[in-house]
């Protein structure tokens, strides 16, 4: 579900990799109400 939102541009997904394996992640929820275009939520 997150991957679908990433492709749509609704979320940014960042990952940390060590030796080519994901060991961390964080998301930015970019899709906000029209009166809050300047804001994002940091999630997970």
ModelCIF file with pLDDT and N, C-alpha, C, O atoms, coordinates in Angstrom:
data_MODEL
#
_entry.id   MODEL 
#
_entity.id                         1 
_entity.type                       polymer 
_entity.pdbx_number_of_molecules   1 
#
_entity_poly.entity_id                      1 
_entity_poly.type                           'polypeptide(L)' 
_entity_poly.nstd_linkage                   no 
_entity_poly.nstd_monomer                   no 
_entity_poly.pdbx_seq_one_letter_code       
;(UNK)(UNK)(UNK)(UNK)(UNK)(UNK)(UNK)(UNK)(UNK)(UNK)(UNK)(UNK)(UNK)(UNK)(UNK)(UNK)
(UNK)(UNK)(UNK)(UNK)(UNK)(UNK)(UNK)(UNK)(UNK)(UNK)(UNK)(UNK)(UNK)(UNK)(UNK)(UNK)
(UNK)(UNK)(UNK)(UNK)(UNK)(UNK)(UNK)(UNK)(UNK)(UNK)(UNK)(UNK)
;
_entity_poly.pdbx_seq_one_letter_code_can   XXXXXXXXXXXXXXXXXXXXXXXXXXXXXXXXXXXXXXXXXXXX 
_entity_poly.pdbx_strand_id                 A 
#
loop_
_entity_poly_seq.entity_id 
_entity_poly_seq.num 
_entity_poly_seq.mon_id 
_entity_poly_seq.hetero 
1 1  UNK n 
1 2  UNK n 
1 3  UNK n 
1 4  UNK n 
1 5  UNK n 
1 6  UNK n 
1 7  UNK n 
1 8  UNK n 
1 9  UNK n 
1 10 UNK n 
1 11 UNK n 
1 12 UNK n 
1 13 UNK n 
1 14 UNK n 
1 15 UNK n 
1 16 UNK n 
1 17 UNK n 
1 18 UNK n 
1 19 UNK n 
1 20 UNK n 
1 21 UNK n 
1 22 UNK n 
1 23 UNK n 
1 24 UNK n 
1 25 UNK n 
1 26 UNK n 
1 27 UNK n 
1 28 UNK n 
1 29 UNK n 
1 30 UNK n 
1 31 UNK n 
1 32 UNK n 
1 33 UNK n 
1 34 UNK n 
1 35 UNK n 
1 36 UNK n 
1 37 UNK n 
1 38 UNK n 
1 39 UNK n 
1 40 UNK n 
1 41 UNK n 
1 42 UNK n 
1 43 UNK n 
1 44 UNK n 
#
_struct_asym.id          A 
_struct_asym.entity_id   1 
#
loop_
_ma_qa_metric.id 
_ma_qa_metric.mode 
_ma_qa_metric.name 
_ma_qa_metric.software_group_id 
_ma_qa_metric.type 
1 global pLDDT . pLDDT 
2 local  pLDDT . pLDDT 
#
_ma_qa_metric_global.metric_id      1 
_ma_qa_metric_global.metric_value   97.45 
_ma_qa_metric_global.model_id       1 
_ma_qa_metric_global.ordinal_id     1 
#
loop_
_ma_qa_metric_local.label_asym_id 
_ma_qa_metric_local.label_comp_id 
_ma_qa_metric_local.label_seq_id 
_ma_qa_metric_local.metric_id 
_ma_qa_metric_local.metric_value 
_ma_qa_metric_local.model_id 
_ma_qa_metric_local.ordinal_id 
A UNK 1  2 98.00 1 1  
A UNK 2  2 98.00 1 2  
A UNK 3  2 98.00 1 3  
A UNK 4  2 98.00 1 4  
A UNK 5  2 98.00 1 5  
A UNK 6  2 98.00 1 6  
A UNK 7  2 98.00 1 7  
A UNK 8  2 98.00 1 8  
A UNK 9  2 97.00 1 9  
A UNK 10 2 98.00 1 10 
A UNK 11 2 98.00 1 11 
A UNK 12 2 98.00 1 12 
A UNK 13 2 98.00 1 13 
A UNK 14 2 98.00 1 14 
A UNK 15 2 98.00 1 15 
A UNK 16 2 98.00 1 16 
A UNK 17 2 97.00 1 17 
A UNK 18 2 95.00 1 18 
A UNK 19 2 93.00 1 19 
A UNK 20 2 93.00 1 20 
A UNK 21 2 95.00 1 21 
A UNK 22 2 97.00 1 22 
A UNK 23 2 98.00 1 23 
A UNK 24 2 98.00 1 24 
A UNK 25 2 98.00 1 25 
A UNK 26 2 98.00 1 26 
A UNK 27 2 98.00 1 27 
A UNK 28 2 98.00 1 28 
A UNK 29 2 98.00 1 29 
A UNK 30 2 98.00 1 30 
A UNK 31 2 97.00 1 31 
A UNK 32 2 97.00 1 32 
A UNK 33 2 97.00 1 33 
A UNK 34 2 97.00 1 34 
A UNK 35 2 98.00 1 35 
A UNK 36 2 98.00 1 36 
A UNK 37 2 98.00 1 37 
A UNK 38 2 98.00 1 38 
A UNK 39 2 98.00 1 39 
A UNK 40 2 98.00 1 40 
A UNK 41 2 98.00 1 41 
A UNK 42 2 98.00 1 42 
A UNK 43 2 98.00 1 43 
A UNK 44 2 97.00 1 44 
#
loop_
_atom_site.group_PDB 
_atom_site.id 
_atom_site.type_symbol 
_atom_site.label_atom_id 
_atom_site.label_alt_id 
_atom_site.label_comp_id 
_atom_site.label_asym_id 
_atom_site.label_entity_id 
_atom_site.label_seq_id 
_atom_site.pdbx_PDB_ins_code 
_atom_site.Cartn_x 
_atom_site.Cartn_y 
_atom_site.Cartn_z 
_atom_site.occupancy 
_atom_site.B_iso_or_equiv 
_atom_site.pdbx_formal_charge 
_atom_site.auth_seq_id 
_atom_site.auth_comp_id 
_atom_site.auth_asym_id 
_atom_site.auth_atom_id 
_atom_site.pdbx_PDB_model_num 
ATOM 1   N N  . UNK A 1 1  ? 0.831  -1.199 0.000  1.00 98.00 ? 1  UNK A N  1 
ATOM 2   C CA . UNK A 1 1  ? 0.000  0.000  0.000  1.00 98.00 ? 1  UNK A CA 1 
ATOM 3   C C  . UNK A 1 1  ? 0.874  1.262  0.000  1.00 98.00 ? 1  UNK A C  1 
ATOM 4   O O  . UNK A 1 1  ? 0.591  2.218  -0.723 1.00 98.00 ? 1  UNK A O  1 
ATOM 5   N N  . UNK A 1 2  ? 1.922  1.257  0.804  1.00 98.00 ? 2  UNK A N  1 
ATOM 6   C CA . UNK A 1 2  ? 2.859  2.387  0.819  1.00 98.00 ? 2  UNK A CA 1 
ATOM 7   C C  . UNK A 1 2  ? 3.493  2.536  -0.561 1.00 98.00 ? 2  UNK A C  1 
ATOM 8   O O  . UNK A 1 2  ? 3.616  3.649  -1.073 1.00 98.00 ? 2  UNK A O  1 
ATOM 9   N N  . UNK A 1 3  ? 3.895  1.420  -1.162 1.00 98.00 ? 3  UNK A N  1 
ATOM 10  C CA . UNK A 1 3  ? 4.520  1.456  -2.489 1.00 98.00 ? 3  UNK A CA 1 
ATOM 11  C C  . UNK A 1 3  ? 3.600  2.111  -3.513 1.00 98.00 ? 3  UNK A C  1 
ATOM 12  O O  . UNK A 1 3  ? 4.065  2.878  -4.356 1.00 98.00 ? 3  UNK A O  1 
ATOM 13  N N  . UNK A 1 4  ? 2.311  1.821  -3.451 1.00 98.00 ? 4  UNK A N  1 
ATOM 14  C CA . UNK A 1 4  ? 1.349  2.453  -4.355 1.00 98.00 ? 4  UNK A CA 1 
ATOM 15  C C  . UNK A 1 4  ? 1.317  3.962  -4.152 1.00 98.00 ? 4  UNK A C  1 
ATOM 16  O O  . UNK A 1 4  ? 1.261  4.720  -5.120 1.00 98.00 ? 4  UNK A O  1 
ATOM 17  N N  . UNK A 1 5  ? 1.353  4.396  -2.908 1.00 98.00 ? 5  UNK A N  1 
ATOM 18  C CA . UNK A 1 5  ? 1.319  5.836  -2.604 1.00 98.00 ? 5  UNK A CA 1 
ATOM 19  C C  . UNK A 1 5  ? 2.621  6.529  -3.018 1.00 98.00 ? 5  UNK A C  1 
ATOM 20  O O  . UNK A 1 5  ? 2.616  7.704  -3.384 1.00 98.00 ? 5  UNK A O  1 
ATOM 21  N N  . UNK A 1 6  ? 3.722  5.800  -2.958 1.00 98.00 ? 6  UNK A N  1 
ATOM 22  C CA . UNK A 1 6  ? 5.008  6.345  -3.402 1.00 98.00 ? 6  UNK A CA 1 
ATOM 23  C C  . UNK A 1 6  ? 4.950  6.627  -4.904 1.00 98.00 ? 6  UNK A C  1 
ATOM 24  O O  . UNK A 1 6  ? 5.333  7.708  -5.352 1.00 98.00 ? 6  UNK A O  1 
ATOM 25  N N  . UNK A 1 7  ? 4.476  5.664  -5.669 1.00 98.00 ? 7  UNK A N  1 
ATOM 26  C CA . UNK A 1 7  ? 4.388  5.830  -7.119 1.00 98.00 ? 7  UNK A CA 1 
ATOM 27  C C  . UNK A 1 7  ? 3.466  6.991  -7.484 1.00 98.00 ? 7  UNK A C  1 
ATOM 28  O O  . UNK A 1 7  ? 3.719  7.699  -8.458 1.00 98.00 ? 7  UNK A O  1 
ATOM 29  N N  . UNK A 1 8  ? 2.407  7.190  -6.716 1.00 98.00 ? 8  UNK A N  1 
ATOM 30  C CA . UNK A 1 8  ? 1.452  8.280  -6.969 1.00 98.00 ? 8  UNK A CA 1 
ATOM 31  C C  . UNK A 1 8  ? 1.988  9.643  -6.516 1.00 98.00 ? 8  UNK A C  1 
ATOM 32  O O  . UNK A 1 8  ? 1.379  10.674 -6.801 1.00 98.00 ? 8  UNK A O  1 
ATOM 33  N N  . UNK A 1 9  ? 3.128  9.650  -5.809 1.00 97.00 ? 9  UNK A N  1 
ATOM 34  C CA . UNK A 1 9  ? 3.692  10.900 -5.326 1.00 97.00 ? 9  UNK A CA 1 
ATOM 35  C C  . UNK A 1 9  ? 3.059  11.403 -4.044 1.00 97.00 ? 9  UNK A C  1 
ATOM 36  O O  . UNK A 1 9  ? 3.316  12.531 -3.626 1.00 97.00 ? 9  UNK A O  1 
ATOM 37  N N  . UNK A 1 10 ? 2.235  10.580 -3.417 1.00 98.00 ? 10 UNK A N  1 
ATOM 38  C CA . UNK A 1 10 ? 1.581  10.975 -2.171 1.00 98.00 ? 10 UNK A CA 1 
ATOM 39  C C  . UNK A 1 10 ? 2.506  10.839 -0.963 1.00 98.00 ? 10 UNK A C  1 
ATOM 40  O O  . UNK A 1 10 ? 2.313  11.493 0.061  1.00 98.00 ? 10 UNK A O  1 
ATOM 41  N N  . UNK A 1 11 ? 3.511  9.980  -1.102 1.00 98.00 ? 11 UNK A N  1 
ATOM 42  C CA . UNK A 1 11 ? 4.475  9.746  -0.021 1.00 98.00 ? 11 UNK A CA 1 
ATOM 43  C C  . UNK A 1 11 ? 5.877  9.688  -0.586 1.00 98.00 ? 11 UNK A C  1 
ATOM 44  O O  . UNK A 1 11 ? 6.097  9.284  -1.728 1.00 98.00 ? 11 UNK A O  1 
ATOM 45  N N  . UNK A 1 12 ? 6.807  10.098 0.235  1.00 98.00 ? 12 UNK A N  1 
ATOM 46  C CA . UNK A 1 12 ? 8.219  9.880  -0.063 1.00 98.00 ? 12 UNK A CA 1 
ATOM 47  C C  . UNK A 1 12 ? 8.681  8.785  0.896  1.00 98.00 ? 12 UNK A C  1 
ATOM 48  O O  . UNK A 1 12 ? 8.396  8.837  2.092  1.00 98.00 ? 12 UNK A O  1 
ATOM 49  N N  . UNK A 1 13 ? 9.389  7.806  0.368  1.00 98.00 ? 13 UNK A N  1 
ATOM 50  C CA . UNK A 1 13 ? 9.904  6.699  1.174  1.00 98.00 ? 13 UNK A CA 1 
ATOM 51  C C  . UNK A 1 13 ? 11.415 6.704  1.074  1.00 98.00 ? 13 UNK A C  1 
ATOM 52  O O  . UNK A 1 13 ? 11.988 6.622  -0.013 1.00 98.00 ? 13 UNK A O  1 
ATOM 53  N N  . UNK A 1 14 ? 12.047 6.802  2.230  1.00 98.00 ? 14 UNK A N  1 
ATOM 54  C CA . UNK A 1 14 ? 13.498 6.734  2.298  1.00 98.00 ? 14 UNK A CA 1 
ATOM 55  C C  . UNK A 1 14 ? 13.892 5.470  3.035  1.00 98.00 ? 14 UNK A C  1 
ATOM 56  O O  . UNK A 1 14 ? 13.261 5.085  4.020  1.00 98.00 ? 14 UNK A O  1 
ATOM 57  N N  . UNK A 1 15 ? 14.940 4.830  2.547  1.00 98.00 ? 15 UNK A N  1 
ATOM 58  C CA . UNK A 1 15 ? 15.424 3.622  3.204  1.00 98.00 ? 15 UNK A CA 1 
ATOM 59  C C  . UNK A 1 15 ? 16.908 3.758  3.506  1.00 98.00 ? 15 UNK A C  1 
ATOM 60  O O  . UNK A 1 15 ? 17.652 4.434  2.797  1.00 98.00 ? 15 UNK A O  1 
ATOM 61  N N  . UNK A 1 16 ? 17.310 3.098  4.573  1.00 98.00 ? 16 UNK A N  1 
ATOM 62  C CA . UNK A 1 16 ? 18.719 2.965  4.923  1.00 98.00 ? 16 UNK A CA 1 
ATOM 63  C C  . UNK A 1 16 ? 19.099 1.519  4.630  1.00 98.00 ? 16 UNK A C  1 
ATOM 64  O O  . UNK A 1 16 ? 18.420 0.586  5.059  1.00 98.00 ? 16 UNK A O  1 
ATOM 65  N N  . UNK A 1 17 ? 20.179 1.350  3.904  1.00 97.00 ? 17 UNK A N  1 
ATOM 66  C CA . UNK A 1 17 ? 20.662 0.005  3.584  1.00 97.00 ? 17 UNK A CA 1 
ATOM 67  C C  . UNK A 1 17 ? 22.069 -0.185 4.131  1.00 97.00 ? 17 UNK A C  1 
ATOM 68  O O  . UNK A 1 17 ? 22.898 0.725  4.099  1.00 97.00 ? 17 UNK A O  1 
ATOM 69  N N  . UNK A 1 18 ? 22.313 -1.374 4.627  1.00 95.00 ? 18 UNK A N  1 
ATOM 70  C CA . UNK A 1 18 ? 23.653 -1.802 5.018  1.00 95.00 ? 18 UNK A CA 1 
ATOM 71  C C  . UNK A 1 18 ? 23.925 -3.096 4.272  1.00 95.00 ? 18 UNK A C  1 
ATOM 72  O O  . UNK A 1 18 ? 23.150 -4.050 4.348  1.00 95.00 ? 18 UNK A O  1 
ATOM 73  N N  . UNK A 1 19 ? 25.025 -3.114 3.560  1.00 93.00 ? 19 UNK A N  1 
ATOM 74  C CA . UNK A 1 19 ? 25.394 -4.279 2.759  1.00 93.00 ? 19 UNK A CA 1 
ATOM 75  C C  . UNK A 1 19 ? 24.250 -4.712 1.845  1.00 93.00 ? 19 UNK A C  1 
ATOM 76  O O  . UNK A 1 19 ? 24.001 -5.903 1.655  1.00 93.00 ? 19 UNK A O  1 
ATOM 77  N N  . UNK A 1 20 ? 23.555 -3.711 1.280  1.00 93.00 ? 20 UNK A N  1 
ATOM 78  C CA . UNK A 1 20 ? 22.504 -3.975 0.316  1.00 93.00 ? 20 UNK A CA 1 
ATOM 79  C C  . UNK A 1 20 ? 21.177 -4.440 0.876  1.00 93.00 ? 20 UNK A C  1 
ATOM 80  O O  . UNK A 1 20 ? 20.281 -4.809 0.117  1.00 93.00 ? 20 UNK A O  1 
ATOM 81  N N  . UNK A 1 21 ? 21.033 -4.430 2.213  1.00 95.00 ? 21 UNK A N  1 
ATOM 82  C CA . UNK A 1 21 ? 19.796 -4.881 2.858  1.00 95.00 ? 21 UNK A CA 1 
ATOM 83  C C  . UNK A 1 21 ? 19.181 -3.710 3.624  1.00 95.00 ? 21 UNK A C  1 
ATOM 84  O O  . UNK A 1 21 ? 19.891 -2.966 4.300  1.00 95.00 ? 21 UNK A O  1 
ATOM 85  N N  . UNK A 1 22 ? 17.870 -3.550 3.517  1.00 97.00 ? 22 UNK A N  1 
ATOM 86  C CA . UNK A 1 22 ? 17.168 -2.472 4.208  1.00 97.00 ? 22 UNK A CA 1 
ATOM 87  C C  . UNK A 1 22 ? 17.217 -2.703 5.717  1.00 97.00 ? 22 UNK A C  1 
ATOM 88  O O  . UNK A 1 22 ? 16.814 -3.754 6.215  1.00 97.00 ? 22 UNK A O  1 
ATOM 89  N N  . UNK A 1 23 ? 17.722 -1.690 6.436  1.00 98.00 ? 23 UNK A N  1 
ATOM 90  C CA . UNK A 1 23 ? 17.776 -1.753 7.907  1.00 98.00 ? 23 UNK A CA 1 
ATOM 91  C C  . UNK A 1 23 ? 17.029 -0.599 8.567  1.00 98.00 ? 23 UNK A C  1 
ATOM 92  O O  . UNK A 1 23 ? 16.935 -0.529 9.792  1.00 98.00 ? 23 UNK A O  1 
ATOM 93  N N  . UNK A 1 24 ? 16.498 0.302  7.745  1.00 98.00 ? 24 UNK A N  1 
ATOM 94  C CA . UNK A 1 24 ? 15.750 1.418  8.293  1.00 98.00 ? 24 UNK A CA 1 
ATOM 95  C C  . UNK A 1 24 ? 14.909 2.074  7.224  1.00 98.00 ? 24 UNK A C  1 
ATOM 96  O O  . UNK A 1 24 ? 15.174 1.940  6.030  1.00 98.00 ? 24 UNK A O  1 
ATOM 97  N N  . UNK A 1 25 ? 13.883 2.792  7.673  1.00 98.00 ? 25 UNK A N  1 
ATOM 98  C CA . UNK A 1 25 ? 13.038 3.516  6.726  1.00 98.00 ? 25 UNK A CA 1 
ATOM 99  C C  . UNK A 1 25 ? 12.322 4.658  7.439  1.00 98.00 ? 25 UNK A C  1 
ATOM 100 O O  . UNK A 1 25 ? 12.177 4.662  8.662  1.00 98.00 ? 25 UNK A O  1 
ATOM 101 N N  . UNK A 1 26 ? 11.886 5.608  6.650  1.00 98.00 ? 26 UNK A N  1 
ATOM 102 C CA . UNK A 1 26 ? 11.040 6.689  7.130  1.00 98.00 ? 26 UNK A CA 1 
ATOM 103 C C  . UNK A 1 26 ? 10.208 7.165  5.949  1.00 98.00 ? 26 UNK A C  1 
ATOM 104 O O  . UNK A 1 26 ? 10.638 7.088  4.798  1.00 98.00 ? 26 UNK A O  1 
ATOM 105 N N  . UNK A 1 27 ? 9.017  7.657  6.250  1.00 98.00 ? 27 UNK A N  1 
ATOM 106 C CA . UNK A 1 27 ? 8.129  8.152  5.208  1.00 98.00 ? 27 UNK A CA 1 
ATOM 107 C C  . UNK A 1 27 ? 7.786  9.608  5.470  1.00 98.00 ? 27 UNK A C  1 
ATOM 108 O O  . UNK A 1 27 ? 7.731  10.061 6.613  1.00 98.00 ? 27 UNK A O  1 
ATOM 109 N N  . UNK A 1 28 ? 7.557  10.323 4.386  1.00 98.00 ? 28 UNK A N  1 
ATOM 110 C CA . UNK A 1 28 ? 6.990  11.663 4.442  1.00 98.00 ? 28 UNK A CA 1 
ATOM 111 C C  . UNK A 1 28 ? 5.633  11.593 3.756  1.00 98.00 ? 28 UNK A C  1 
ATOM 112 O O  . UNK A 1 28 ? 5.540  11.219 2.587  1.00 98.00 ? 28 UNK A O  1 
ATOM 113 N N  . UNK A 1 29 ? 4.599  11.946 4.473  1.00 98.00 ? 29 UNK A N  1 
ATOM 114 C CA . UNK A 1 29 ? 3.267  11.995 3.883  1.00 98.00 ? 29 UNK A CA 1 
ATOM 115 C C  . UNK A 1 29 ? 3.140  13.382 3.265  1.00 98.00 ? 29 UNK A C  1 
ATOM 116 O O  . UNK A 1 29 ? 2.952  14.378 3.963  1.00 98.00 ? 29 UNK A O  1 
ATOM 117 N N  . UNK A 1 30 ? 3.247  13.421 1.945  1.00 98.00 ? 30 UNK A N  1 
ATOM 118 C CA . UNK A 1 30 ? 3.273  14.680 1.204  1.00 98.00 ? 30 UNK A CA 1 
ATOM 119 C C  . UNK A 1 30 ? 1.877  15.173 0.856  1.00 98.00 ? 30 UNK A C  1 
ATOM 120 O O  . UNK A 1 30 ? 1.650  16.378 0.745  1.00 98.00 ? 30 UNK A O  1 
ATOM 121 N N  . UNK A 1 31 ? 0.954  14.258 0.684  1.00 97.00 ? 31 UNK A N  1 
ATOM 122 C CA . UNK A 1 31 ? -0.409 14.580 0.271  1.00 97.00 ? 31 UNK A CA 1 
ATOM 123 C C  . UNK A 1 31 ? -1.179 15.130 1.470  1.00 97.00 ? 31 UNK A C  1 
ATOM 124 O O  . UNK A 1 31 ? -1.632 14.377 2.332  1.00 97.00 ? 31 UNK A O  1 
ATOM 125 N N  . UNK A 1 32 ? -1.319 16.454 1.509  1.00 97.00 ? 32 UNK A N  1 
ATOM 126 C CA . UNK A 1 32 ? -1.960 17.134 2.630  1.00 97.00 ? 32 UNK A CA 1 
ATOM 127 C C  . UNK A 1 32 ? -3.176 17.915 2.131  1.00 97.00 ? 32 UNK A C  1 
ATOM 128 O O  . UNK A 1 32 ? -3.321 18.127 0.927  1.00 97.00 ? 32 UNK A O  1 
ATOM 129 N N  . UNK A 1 33 ? -4.046 18.342 3.042  1.00 97.00 ? 33 UNK A N  1 
ATOM 130 C CA . UNK A 1 33 ? -5.197 19.152 2.629  1.00 97.00 ? 33 UNK A CA 1 
ATOM 131 C C  . UNK A 1 33 ? -4.745 20.418 1.888  1.00 97.00 ? 33 UNK A C  1 
ATOM 132 O O  . UNK A 1 33 ? -3.611 20.870 2.054  1.00 97.00 ? 33 UNK A O  1 
ATOM 133 N N  . UNK A 1 34 ? -5.630 20.976 1.082  1.00 97.00 ? 34 UNK A N  1 
ATOM 134 C CA . UNK A 1 34 ? -5.256 22.115 0.235  1.00 97.00 ? 34 UNK A CA 1 
ATOM 135 C C  . UNK A 1 34 ? -4.820 23.345 1.025  1.00 97.00 ? 34 UNK A C  1 
ATOM 136 O O  . UNK A 1 34 ? -4.115 24.199 0.487  1.00 97.00 ? 34 UNK A O  1 
ATOM 137 N N  . UNK A 1 35 ? -5.225 23.451 2.292  1.00 98.00 ? 35 UNK A N  1 
ATOM 138 C CA . UNK A 1 35 ? -4.796 24.605 3.082  1.00 98.00 ? 35 UNK A CA 1 
ATOM 139 C C  . UNK A 1 35 ? -3.488 24.342 3.834  1.00 98.00 ? 35 UNK A C  1 
ATOM 140 O O  . UNK A 1 35 ? -3.070 25.154 4.659  1.00 98.00 ? 35 UNK A O  1 
ATOM 141 N N  . UNK A 1 36 ? -2.845 23.208 3.547  1.00 98.00 ? 36 UNK A N  1 
ATOM 142 C CA . UNK A 1 36 ? -1.584 22.869 4.215  1.00 98.00 ? 36 UNK A CA 1 
ATOM 143 C C  . UNK A 1 36 ? -0.534 22.358 3.210  1.00 98.00 ? 36 UNK A C  1 
ATOM 144 O O  . UNK A 1 36 ? 0.123  21.349 3.468  1.00 98.00 ? 36 UNK A O  1 
ATOM 145 N N  . UNK A 1 37 ? -0.376 23.040 2.082  1.00 98.00 ? 37 UNK A N  1 
ATOM 146 C CA . UNK A 1 37 ? 0.565  22.545 1.071  1.00 98.00 ? 37 UNK A CA 1 
ATOM 147 C C  . UNK A 1 37 ? 2.025  22.643 1.507  1.00 98.00 ? 37 UNK A C  1 
ATOM 148 O O  . UNK A 1 37 ? 2.899  22.025 0.898  1.00 98.00 ? 37 UNK A O  1 
ATOM 149 N N  . UNK A 1 38 ? 2.288  23.409 2.546  1.00 98.00 ? 38 UNK A N  1 
ATOM 150 C CA . UNK A 1 38 ? 3.644  23.639 3.036  1.00 98.00 ? 38 UNK A CA 1 
ATOM 151 C C  . UNK A 1 38 ? 4.097  22.588 4.048  1.00 98.00 ? 38 UNK A C  1 
ATOM 152 O O  . UNK A 1 38 ? 5.234  22.634 4.518  1.00 98.00 ? 38 UNK A O  1 
ATOM 153 N N  . UNK A 1 39 ? 3.222  21.644 4.387  1.00 98.00 ? 39 UNK A N  1 
ATOM 154 C CA . UNK A 1 39 ? 3.467  20.721 5.490  1.00 98.00 ? 39 UNK A CA 1 
ATOM 155 C C  . UNK A 1 39 ? 3.554  19.281 5.000  1.00 98.00 ? 39 UNK A C  1 
ATOM 156 O O  . UNK A 1 39 ? 2.950  18.915 3.991  1.00 98.00 ? 39 UNK A O  1 
ATOM 157 N N  . UNK A 1 40 ? 4.316  18.472 5.733  1.00 98.00 ? 40 UNK A N  1 
ATOM 158 C CA . UNK A 1 40 ? 4.347  17.020 5.538  1.00 98.00 ? 40 UNK A CA 1 
ATOM 159 C C  . UNK A 1 40 ? 4.412  16.362 6.910  1.00 98.00 ? 40 UNK A C  1 
ATOM 160 O O  . UNK A 1 40 ? 4.929  16.941 7.865  1.00 98.00 ? 40 UNK A O  1 
ATOM 161 N N  . UNK A 1 41 ? 3.888  15.163 6.995  1.00 98.00 ? 41 UNK A N  1 
ATOM 162 C CA . UNK A 1 41 ? 3.976  14.375 8.228  1.00 98.00 ? 41 UNK A CA 1 
ATOM 163 C C  . UNK A 1 41 ? 5.101  13.366 8.084  1.00 98.00 ? 41 UNK A C  1 
ATOM 164 O O  . UNK A 1 41 ? 5.183  12.656 7.082  1.00 98.00 ? 41 UNK A O  1 
ATOM 165 N N  . UNK A 1 42 ? 5.966  13.305 9.085  1.00 98.00 ? 42 UNK A N  1 
ATOM 166 C CA . UNK A 1 42 ? 6.995  12.275 9.129  1.00 98.00 ? 42 UNK A CA 1 
ATOM 167 C C  . UNK A 1 42 ? 6.366  11.060 9.790  1.00 98.00 ? 42 UNK A C  1 
ATOM 168 O O  . UNK A 1 42 ? 5.770  11.173 10.861 1.00 98.00 ? 42 UNK A O  1 
ATOM 169 N N  . UNK A 1 43 ? 6.494  9.904  9.161  1.00 98.00 ? 43 UNK A N  1 
ATOM 170 C CA . UNK A 1 43 ? 5.770  8.725  9.626  1.00 98.00 ? 43 UNK A CA 1 
ATOM 171 C C  . UNK A 1 43 ? 6.633  7.470  9.569  1.00 98.00 ? 43 UNK A C  1 
ATOM 172 O O  . UNK A 1 43 ? 7.512  7.328  8.719  1.00 98.00 ? 43 UNK A O  1 
ATOM 173 N N  . UNK A 1 44 ? 6.354  6.582  10.487 1.00 97.00 ? 44 UNK A N  1 
ATOM 174 C CA . UNK A 1 44 ? 6.950  5.239  10.515 1.00 97.00 ? 44 UNK A CA 1 
ATOM 175 C C  . UNK A 1 44 ? 8.471  5.254  10.369 1.00 97.00 ? 44 UNK A C  1 
ATOM 176 O O  . UNK A 1 44 ? 9.102  4.197  10.376 1.00 97.00 ? 44 UNK A O  1 
#
